């Protein structure tokens, strides 16, 4: 195969971010490469690309062609396809091969170009998506080249959306250690986080770098806010910083509503007093942040996956969750989104107490206001699924009942009935008959269809 032959095969195509790089790849690999019509398997590979076969089908074929000695031809077929039609997942596939000692510089540039594609950017919030894959490959390549600072940014981009990604955590720690040995980082790490989506570097320096809080690793991210671990210089302790994302804090009406809801969480927490509710430590409207006590064990769902909690812990967690909700309701509020992701473990050890968190959709008890549909479907009480009723303490108790049922059934998943928008849901038949009597009685009470019958 020759470069002119490969280009004639395609003809002219519109310019796009990958075209120049693919022309370079063709120039680098086309001469002497096998042609698709010369090798049946290579031809089938080209046909699979033409019909937009998924990467799960393309990847094993690429490995088989490489093992058979036709990697150069396969890479030319990939480059020719990408030159015609940019496809982010195929670009990552080709970049992976380039990084494997074939042409790492071209692989790095291809990954940077891939991240600029709308297809890749659309997966920014998807765990294990193309955005994460490209950043992980870039981070590992830059780390191996000795560019620890550059690597750190890409590992942080992954951790911003997947805080337990093992490879990203390992790479982040290695890059951090390298920078500390060079004297480029001292004390607690927070430099690279200014490059995460939603934080401008200058604003980050003004808000955190020379002020009270020094940011460290990201802990999680929602649609409108991001949470970091941070060090409070005033009192010398680690805290959790929850910050409204810039894009949602505009002066437009929608931005003002989001900002009002964000600080409603602080007002609710300020009224609640319970050892089983995360404590509010500080509010800074200027920087659109609130500071909360740091719970180091992750949320209840992660705790179940890690073996920190299980069905045997149900009585203890039920009692603590009851105290938390009693305190919320006594303060004149309704949580409206009780679920495992909003129940935190204070430490990463078995037996750790829980703390109810994330009051972003909580509302005051009083004249009707807000959306009755707020919350997460599988934990939503039957009366709320119809979209007409208002959230109450009883609907919070139903959500708690679903959480406890999920814990009891773990590792078996909740029945599909909880994920259907059905206001006729009767959750009580899903409580196992062989559950211990006190637990079964509690779950039947919390999951009752009649809100007035829900009792701890």
Protein backbone atom coordinates (compact mmCIF):
# COMPACT_ATOMS: atom_id res chain seq x y z
CA UNK A 1 0.00 0.00 0.00
CA UNK A 2 1.22 3.54 -0.77
CA UNK A 3 0.13 6.92 0.55
CA UNK A 4 -1.32 8.07 -2.80
CA UNK A 5 -3.17 4.76 -3.11
CA UNK A 6 -4.67 5.13 0.36
CA UNK A 7 -5.73 8.72 -0.31
CA UNK A 8 -7.22 7.84 -3.73
CA UNK A 9 -9.23 5.14 -1.99
CA UNK A 10 -10.91 7.83 0.09
CA UNK A 11 -11.03 10.85 -2.15
CA UNK A 12 -11.34 14.33 -0.69
CA UNK A 13 -13.18 14.77 2.62
CA UNK A 14 -14.16 17.84 4.64
CA UNK A 15 -11.62 19.14 7.14
CA UNK A 16 -12.02 18.02 10.76
CA UNK A 17 -9.77 17.88 13.86
CA UNK A 18 -8.34 14.44 13.00
CA UNK A 19 -7.72 14.82 9.26
CA UNK A 20 -4.22 16.34 9.40
CA UNK A 21 -3.11 13.74 11.93
CA UNK A 22 -4.52 10.91 9.80
CA UNK A 23 -2.68 12.24 6.75
CA UNK A 24 0.45 12.09 8.88
CA UNK A 25 -0.34 8.53 9.94
CA UNK A 26 -0.86 7.47 6.34
CA UNK A 27 2.46 9.02 5.37
CA UNK A 28 4.12 7.22 8.27
CA UNK A 29 2.68 3.72 7.78
CA UNK A 30 1.15 3.28 4.29
CA UNK A 31 4.29 2.40 2.33
CA UNK A 32 4.72 -1.35 2.36
CA UNK A 33 1.53 -2.04 4.32
CA UNK A 34 -0.80 -4.81 3.21
CA UNK A 35 -3.93 -3.72 1.35
CA UNK A 36 -7.45 -4.79 2.37
CA UNK A 37 -8.07 -6.66 -0.90
CA UNK A 38 -4.83 -8.60 -0.42
CA UNK A 39 -5.66 -10.05 3.02
CA UNK A 40 -9.16 -11.36 3.65
CA UNK A 41 -9.12 -10.61 7.36
CA UNK A 42 -7.86 -7.08 6.72
CA UNK A 43 -10.64 -6.59 4.19
CA UNK A 44 -13.19 -7.77 6.75
CA UNK A 45 -11.71 -5.31 9.25
CA UNK A 46 -12.14 -2.46 6.73
CA UNK A 47 -15.73 -3.57 6.08
CA UNK A 48 -16.45 -3.59 9.83
CA UNK A 49 -15.18 -0.01 10.10
CA UNK A 50 -17.32 1.01 7.12
CA UNK A 51 -20.46 -0.28 8.84
CA UNK A 52 -19.56 1.43 12.15
CA UNK A 53 -18.98 -1.79 14.06
CA UNK A 54 -18.55 -1.26 17.81
CA UNK A 55 -15.07 -1.15 19.31
CA UNK A 56 -15.83 -4.36 21.20
CA UNK A 57 -15.85 -6.05 17.77
CA UNK A 58 -12.97 -4.06 16.27
CA UNK A 59 -10.51 -4.45 19.16
CA UNK A 60 -10.10 -8.26 19.05
CA UNK A 61 -9.79 -8.12 15.26
CA UNK A 62 -7.06 -5.50 15.56
CA UNK A 63 -5.20 -7.71 18.04
CA UNK A 64 -5.58 -10.73 15.74
CA UNK A 65 -4.22 -8.77 12.76
CA UNK A 66 -1.30 -7.58 14.86
CA UNK A 67 -0.53 -11.15 15.94
CA UNK A 68 -0.67 -12.27 12.30
CA UNK A 69 1.82 -9.59 11.25
CA UNK A 70 -0.60 -7.14 9.63
CA UNK A 71 -0.59 -4.37 12.26
CA UNK A 72 0.75 -1.77 9.81
CA UNK A 73 -2.04 -2.53 7.35
CA UNK A 74 -4.66 -2.42 10.12
CA UNK A 75 -3.37 0.94 11.34
CA UNK A 76 -3.57 2.33 7.81
CA UNK A 77 -7.15 1.08 7.50
CA UNK A 78 -7.96 2.76 10.84
CA UNK A 79 -6.32 6.03 9.77
CA UNK A 80 -8.08 5.99 6.40
CA UNK A 81 -11.44 5.44 8.11
CA UNK A 82 -10.81 8.24 10.63
CA UNK A 83 -9.69 10.58 7.86
CA UNK A 84 -13.06 10.11 6.21
CA UNK A 85 -15.24 10.04 9.32
CA UNK A 86 -13.99 11.14 12.75
CA UNK A 87 -15.07 8.63 15.38
CA UNK A 88 -13.79 9.15 18.90
CA UNK A 89 -13.81 5.50 20.03
CA UNK A 90 -11.86 4.39 16.94
CA UNK A 91 -9.42 7.27 17.45
CA UNK A 92 -8.73 6.06 21.01
CA UNK A 93 -8.21 2.55 19.65
CA UNK A 94 -5.63 3.80 17.14
CA UNK A 95 -3.98 6.07 19.72
CA UNK A 96 -3.51 3.11 22.04
CA UNK A 97 -1.55 1.29 19.35
CA UNK A 98 0.52 4.39 18.54
CA UNK A 99 1.43 4.84 22.21
CA UNK A 100 2.70 1.27 22.35
CA UNK A 101 6.21 2.30 21.20
CA UNK A 102 5.13 2.75 17.57
CA UNK A 103 4.75 6.55 17.43
CA UNK A 104 3.97 7.88 20.96
CA UNK A 105 4.16 11.55 19.90
CA UNK A 106 1.51 11.01 17.25
CA UNK A 107 -0.56 9.03 19.76
CA UNK A 108 -0.48 11.89 22.28
CA UNK A 109 -1.52 14.43 19.64
CA UNK A 110 -4.29 12.12 18.46
CA UNK A 111 -5.68 11.81 21.99
CA UNK A 112 -5.64 15.59 22.45
CA UNK A 113 -7.52 15.96 19.16
CA UNK A 114 -9.96 13.25 20.19
CA UNK A 115 -10.82 15.10 23.39
CA UNK A 116 -11.84 18.05 21.21
CA UNK A 117 -14.45 15.95 19.40
CA UNK A 118 -18.06 16.54 20.54
CA UNK A 119 -18.52 12.75 20.73
CA UNK A 120 -15.79 12.49 23.38
CA UNK A 121 -16.81 15.62 25.26
CA UNK A 122 -20.37 14.29 25.52
CA UNK A 123 -19.06 11.42 27.69
CA UNK A 124 -17.41 13.76 30.21
CA UNK A 125 -19.84 12.65 32.95
CA UNK A 126 -19.82 8.96 31.95
CA UNK A 127 -17.71 6.62 34.06
CA UNK A 128 -15.31 4.74 31.81
CA UNK A 129 -16.44 6.76 28.77
CA UNK A 130 -14.27 8.03 25.94
CA UNK A 131 -13.39 11.20 27.86
CA UNK A 132 -12.05 9.11 30.75
CA UNK A 133 -10.28 6.63 28.46
CA UNK A 134 -8.43 9.35 26.55
CA UNK A 135 -7.43 11.22 29.71
CA UNK A 136 -6.21 8.03 31.36
CA UNK A 137 -4.02 7.11 28.38
CA UNK A 138 -2.65 10.66 28.24
CA UNK A 139 -1.95 10.72 31.97
CA UNK A 140 -0.06 7.43 31.88
CA UNK A 141 1.94 8.44 28.80
CA UNK A 142 2.93 11.83 30.24
CA UNK A 143 3.80 10.24 33.58
CA UNK A 144 6.10 7.75 31.85
CA UNK A 145 7.74 10.62 29.95
CA UNK A 146 8.47 12.45 33.20
CA UNK A 147 5.83 15.18 32.75
CA UNK A 148 4.24 14.66 36.16
CA UNK A 149 2.42 18.01 36.17
CA UNK A 150 0.80 17.31 32.82
CA UNK A 151 -0.08 13.77 33.88
CA UNK A 152 -1.68 15.03 37.10
CA UNK A 153 -4.20 17.12 35.18
CA UNK A 154 -5.40 14.17 33.14
CA UNK A 155 -5.67 11.83 36.13
CA UNK A 156 -7.68 14.51 37.96
CA UNK A 157 -10.01 14.83 34.97
CA UNK A 158 -10.85 11.13 35.40
CA UNK A 159 -11.15 11.32 39.19
CA UNK A 160 -13.50 14.30 38.97
CA UNK A 161 -16.20 11.92 37.70
CA UNK A 162 -15.03 8.54 38.98
CA UNK A 163 -13.44 9.03 42.39
CA UNK A 164 -12.62 5.34 42.86
CA UNK A 165 -10.94 4.67 39.51
CA UNK A 166 -8.01 2.48 40.58
CA UNK A 167 -5.66 3.28 37.67
CA UNK A 168 -6.36 7.01 37.89
CA UNK A 169 -5.84 7.03 41.65
CA UNK A 170 -2.56 5.15 41.28
CA UNK A 171 -1.37 7.50 38.53
CA UNK A 172 -2.46 10.56 40.51
CA UNK A 173 -0.48 9.41 43.54
CA UNK A 174 2.62 8.61 41.46
CA UNK A 175 2.51 12.00 39.73
CA UNK A 176 2.00 13.75 43.05
CA UNK A 177 4.90 11.91 44.66
CA UNK A 178 7.15 12.85 41.73
CA UNK A 179 6.27 16.53 42.01
CA UNK A 180 6.81 16.51 45.77
CA UNK A 181 10.25 14.91 45.36
CA UNK A 182 11.14 17.68 42.92
CA UNK A 183 10.02 20.29 45.42
CA UNK A 184 7.26 21.49 43.09
CA UNK A 185 4.49 20.55 45.51
CA UNK A 186 4.59 20.99 49.26
CA UNK A 187 2.06 19.99 51.89
CA UNK A 188 -1.40 19.22 50.65
CA UNK A 189 -1.94 18.92 46.94
CA UNK A 190 -4.36 21.17 45.13
CA UNK A 191 -2.68 22.74 42.09
CA UNK A 192 -4.06 20.67 39.27
CA UNK A 193 -7.66 20.82 40.41
CA UNK A 194 -7.99 24.36 39.12
CA UNK A 195 -8.00 22.88 35.63
CA UNK A 196 -11.09 20.76 36.25
CA UNK A 197 -14.27 21.68 34.44
CA UNK A 198 -16.12 24.47 36.22
CA UNK A 199 -13.08 26.07 37.92
CA UNK A 200 -10.98 28.73 36.23
CA UNK A 201 -7.38 28.80 37.40
CA UNK A 202 -7.35 32.48 38.34
CA UNK A 203 -10.63 32.24 40.23
CA UNK A 204 -9.40 29.12 41.99
CA UNK A 205 -6.28 30.90 43.18
CA UNK A 206 -8.30 33.87 44.42
CA UNK A 207 -10.92 31.72 46.14
CA UNK A 208 -8.73 29.02 47.61
CA UNK A 209 -5.00 29.41 46.95
CA UNK A 210 -4.39 32.38 49.24
CA UNK A 211 -7.55 32.22 51.34
CA UNK A 212 -9.00 29.83 53.89
CA UNK A 213 -9.26 26.56 51.96
CA UNK A 214 -6.63 24.63 50.05
CA UNK A 215 -8.17 22.15 47.62
CA UNK A 216 -7.05 18.55 47.41
CA UNK A 217 -8.61 15.61 45.55
CA UNK A 218 -12.11 15.58 44.04
CA UNK A 219 -14.66 13.53 45.97
CA UNK A 220 -17.58 13.58 43.59
CA UNK A 221 -19.60 15.58 41.14
CA UNK A 222 -23.24 16.14 40.36
CA UNK A 223 -24.96 18.00 37.57
CA UNK A 224 -24.62 21.42 39.20
CA UNK A 225 -21.94 21.08 41.88
CA UNK A 226 -18.57 19.49 42.51
CA UNK A 227 -17.21 18.31 45.89
CA UNK A 228 -13.54 18.40 46.88
CA UNK A 229 -11.55 17.41 49.90
CA UNK A 230 -9.86 20.55 51.21
CA UNK A 231 -7.71 21.73 54.08
CA UNK A 232 -9.09 24.47 56.31
CA UNK A 233 -6.10 26.65 57.19
CA UNK A 234 -8.01 28.52 59.88
CA UNK A 235 -8.59 25.52 62.13
CA UNK A 236 -6.13 22.97 60.70
CA UNK A 237 -8.48 20.21 59.56
CA UNK A 238 -9.71 18.51 56.41
CA UNK A 239 -13.20 19.39 55.22
CA UNK A 240 -15.45 18.77 52.22
CA UNK A 241 -16.02 21.76 49.93
CA UNK A 242 -19.18 21.71 47.83
CA UNK A 243 -19.07 24.33 45.09
CA UNK A 244 -21.67 25.39 42.56
CA UNK A 245 -20.29 25.06 39.04
CA UNK A 246 -19.59 28.30 37.22
CA UNK A 247 -21.74 27.51 34.22
CA UNK A 248 -24.81 27.18 36.41
CA UNK A 249 -24.17 30.31 38.48
CA UNK A 250 -24.83 32.87 35.75
CA UNK A 251 -26.92 35.99 36.48
CA UNK A 252 -29.66 34.61 34.24
CA UNK A 253 -32.90 33.53 35.89
CA UNK A 254 -32.01 29.84 35.71
CA UNK A 255 -28.66 30.50 37.34
CA UNK A 256 -30.27 32.49 40.16
CA UNK A 257 -32.72 29.67 40.88
CA UNK A 258 -29.89 27.13 41.02
CA UNK A 259 -27.86 29.36 43.28
CA UNK A 260 -30.84 29.87 45.60
CA UNK A 261 -31.42 26.12 45.80
CA UNK A 262 -27.72 25.54 46.45
CA UNK A 263 -27.73 27.80 49.50
CA UNK A 264 -31.08 26.40 50.64
CA UNK A 265 -29.02 23.33 51.55
CA UNK A 266 -26.90 25.43 53.90
CA UNK A 267 -29.96 27.01 55.51
CA UNK A 268 -31.50 23.58 56.10
CA UNK A 269 -28.30 22.13 57.56
CA UNK A 270 -27.87 25.13 59.84
CA UNK A 271 -31.12 24.18 61.60
CA UNK A 272 -30.46 20.46 61.95
CA UNK A 273 -28.64 19.09 64.98
CA UNK A 274 -27.75 15.41 64.83
CA UNK A 275 -24.58 13.30 64.96
CA UNK A 276 -26.05 11.40 62.01
CA UNK A 277 -26.40 14.41 59.71
CA UNK A 278 -23.36 15.91 58.01
CA UNK A 279 -22.44 19.16 59.77
CA UNK A 280 -22.31 22.57 58.08
CA UNK A 281 -19.04 24.39 58.84
CA UNK A 282 -18.96 27.47 56.61
CA UNK A 283 -20.85 29.30 53.86
CA UNK A 284 -19.18 31.60 51.30
CA UNK A 285 -21.74 32.98 48.84
CA UNK A 286 -19.10 35.05 47.06
CA UNK A 287 -17.31 31.90 45.97
CA UNK A 288 -20.51 29.84 45.68
CA UNK A 289 -19.36 27.23 48.18
CA UNK A 290 -20.31 25.60 51.42
CA UNK A 291 -17.91 23.72 53.70
CA UNK A 292 -19.08 20.50 55.31
CA UNK A 293 -17.49 18.03 57.68
CA UNK A 294 -15.50 15.41 55.79
CA UNK A 295 -16.79 11.83 55.80
CA UNK A 296 -13.94 9.62 54.64
CA UNK A 297 -15.77 6.35 54.02
CA UNK A 298 -17.65 7.28 50.85
CA UNK A 299 -21.37 6.69 50.46
CA UNK A 300 -23.41 3.72 51.57
CA UNK A 301 -23.48 2.11 48.12
CA UNK A 302 -19.69 2.24 47.88
CA UNK A 303 -19.53 0.91 51.42
CA UNK A 304 -21.59 -2.11 50.38
CA UNK A 305 -19.34 -2.75 47.38
CA UNK A 306 -16.22 -2.50 49.54
CA UNK A 307 -17.56 -4.81 52.23
CA UNK A 308 -17.69 -2.07 54.88
CA UNK A 309 -21.42 -2.60 55.42
CA UNK A 310 -23.75 -5.50 54.76
CA UNK A 311 -27.10 -6.97 55.75
CA UNK A 312 -25.86 -7.64 59.28
CA UNK A 313 -25.43 -3.89 59.79
CA UNK A 314 -29.08 -3.13 58.99
CA UNK A 315 -30.35 -2.67 62.59
CA UNK A 316 -27.53 -0.25 63.42
CA UNK A 317 -27.88 1.78 60.22
CA UNK A 318 -31.68 1.83 60.55
CA UNK A 319 -31.40 3.34 64.02
CA UNK A 320 -28.93 5.98 62.89
CA UNK A 321 -30.96 6.85 59.80
CA UNK A 322 -34.04 7.18 62.01
CA UNK A 323 -32.24 9.67 64.28
CA UNK A 324 -31.06 11.63 61.24
CA UNK A 325 -34.51 11.93 59.69
CA UNK A 326 -36.14 12.71 63.02
CA UNK A 327 -33.72 15.64 63.37
CA UNK A 328 -34.43 16.84 59.82
CA UNK A 329 -38.18 16.68 60.34
CA UNK A 330 -37.93 18.32 63.77
CA UNK A 331 -36.15 21.22 62.07
CA UNK A 332 -39.19 21.69 59.83
CA UNK A 333 -37.66 20.24 56.66
CA UNK A 334 -38.12 17.25 54.35
CA UNK A 335 -35.05 15.70 52.71
CA UNK A 336 -36.83 14.42 49.55
CA UNK A 337 -33.88 12.37 48.24
CA UNK A 338 -33.03 9.66 50.76
CA UNK A 339 -30.88 7.09 48.90
CA UNK A 340 -27.55 5.27 49.43
CA UNK A 341 -25.58 7.90 47.52
CA UNK A 342 -26.72 10.53 50.05
CA UNK A 343 -25.84 8.48 53.13
CA UNK A 344 -22.14 8.78 53.97
CA UNK A 345 -19.85 6.64 56.11
CA UNK A 346 -17.83 8.76 58.50
CA UNK A 347 -14.75 6.50 58.24
CA UNK A 348 -13.54 3.81 55.85
CA UNK A 349 -13.83 1.06 58.47
CA UNK A 350 -16.45 -1.50 59.34
CA UNK A 351 -18.86 -0.25 61.99
CA UNK A 352 -18.49 3.39 60.93
CA UNK A 353 -21.53 5.54 61.76
CA UNK A 354 -23.49 7.07 58.89
CA UNK A 355 -24.29 10.71 58.17
CA UNK A 356 -27.20 11.87 56.00
CA UNK A 357 -26.01 14.36 53.38
CA UNK A 358 -26.95 16.28 50.24
CA UNK A 359 -29.87 18.49 51.18
CA UNK A 360 -29.86 20.20 47.80
CA UNK A 361 -33.49 19.30 47.10
CA UNK A 362 -34.74 19.54 50.69
CA UNK A 363 -37.63 21.91 51.35
CA UNK A 364 -39.31 23.50 54.32
CA UNK A 365 -42.56 22.09 55.59
CA UNK A 366 -45.26 24.66 55.04
CA UNK A 367 -47.27 26.11 52.15
CA UNK A 368 -46.73 24.06 49.00
CA UNK A 369 -43.68 25.04 47.01
CA UNK A 370 -41.09 23.34 44.86
CA UNK A 371 -41.41 20.29 42.62
CA UNK A 372 -43.08 17.19 44.06
CA UNK A 373 -41.11 15.08 41.58
CA UNK A 374 -37.75 15.82 43.18
CA UNK A 375 -35.88 12.70 44.23
CA UNK A 376 -34.72 9.44 42.67
CA UNK A 377 -37.34 7.13 41.17
CA UNK A 378 -36.49 3.84 42.89
CA UNK A 379 -36.66 5.50 46.34
CA UNK A 380 -39.77 7.55 45.57
CA UNK A 381 -42.93 6.89 47.59
CA UNK A 382 -46.01 5.68 45.64
CA UNK A 383 -47.93 8.92 46.28
CA UNK A 384 -45.06 10.92 44.70
CA UNK A 385 -44.82 8.74 41.60
CA UNK A 386 -48.14 10.08 40.38
CA UNK A 387 -46.66 13.59 40.43
CA UNK A 388 -49.53 15.14 42.38
CA UNK A 389 -48.65 14.74 46.06
CA UNK A 390 -46.22 16.82 48.06
CA UNK A 391 -43.14 15.32 49.72
CA UNK A 392 -43.54 14.73 53.44
CA UNK A 393 -41.76 13.12 56.36
CA UNK A 394 -43.66 9.95 55.44
CA UNK A 395 -42.19 9.93 51.93
CA UNK A 396 -38.72 10.34 53.45
CA UNK A 397 -39.43 7.29 55.62
CA UNK A 398 -40.45 5.32 52.52
CA UNK A 399 -37.12 6.23 50.88
CA UNK A 400 -35.32 5.06 54.01
CA UNK A 401 -37.25 1.80 53.83
CA UNK A 402 -36.10 1.20 50.26
CA UNK A 403 -32.50 1.91 51.28
CA UNK A 404 -32.75 -0.61 54.11
CA UNK A 405 -34.40 -3.19 51.85
CA UNK A 406 -31.56 -2.72 49.37
CA UNK A 407 -29.07 -3.31 52.17
CA UNK A 408 -30.94 -6.42 53.31
CA UNK A 409 -31.01 -7.91 49.79
CA UNK A 410 -27.40 -7.03 48.92
CA UNK A 411 -25.68 -8.26 46.75
CA UNK A 412 -28.98 -9.08 45.04
CA UNK A 413 -30.34 -5.96 43.30
CA UNK A 414 -33.65 -4.34 44.14
CA UNK A 415 -36.56 -5.75 42.12
CA UNK A 416 -37.29 -4.02 38.80
CA UNK A 417 -40.64 -2.82 40.17
CA UNK A 418 -38.86 -0.01 42.04
CA UNK A 419 -37.48 1.40 38.77
CA UNK A 420 -40.85 1.70 37.05
CA UNK A 421 -42.91 4.89 37.16
CA UNK A 422 -45.90 3.15 38.71
CA UNK A 423 -47.99 4.94 41.33
CA UNK A 424 -49.61 1.57 42.14
CA UNK A 425 -46.32 0.25 43.51
CA UNK A 426 -46.73 -1.98 46.54
CA UNK A 427 -43.27 -2.55 47.95
CA UNK A 428 -44.26 -4.77 50.87
CA UNK A 429 -44.41 -8.07 48.90
CA UNK A 430 -40.71 -7.60 48.10
CA UNK A 431 -39.72 -7.85 51.77
CA UNK A 432 -38.33 -11.40 52.20
CA UNK A 433 -40.49 -13.70 54.28
CA UNK A 434 -37.41 -15.21 55.89
CA UNK A 435 -36.04 -11.87 57.15
CA UNK A 436 -35.64 -11.68 60.96
CA UNK A 437 -38.97 -10.67 62.48
CA UNK A 438 -37.89 -7.23 63.86
CA UNK A 439 -36.34 -6.26 60.50
CA UNK A 440 -39.29 -7.55 58.50
CA UNK A 441 -41.75 -5.66 60.70
CA UNK A 442 -39.73 -2.45 60.35
CA UNK A 443 -39.52 -2.71 56.56
CA UNK A 444 -43.22 -3.51 56.20
CA UNK A 445 -44.04 -0.40 58.24
CA UNK A 446 -41.68 1.92 56.36
CA UNK A 447 -42.79 0.63 52.95
CA UNK A 448 -46.53 0.79 53.61
CA UNK A 449 -48.59 2.26 50.76
CA UNK A 450 -50.53 4.38 53.26
CA UNK A 451 -48.26 7.30 54.29
CA UNK A 452 -49.94 7.52 57.69
CA UNK A 453 -48.98 3.90 58.43
CA UNK A 454 -45.24 4.47 57.98
CA UNK A 455 -43.61 4.22 61.36
CA UNK A 456 -40.14 3.40 62.66
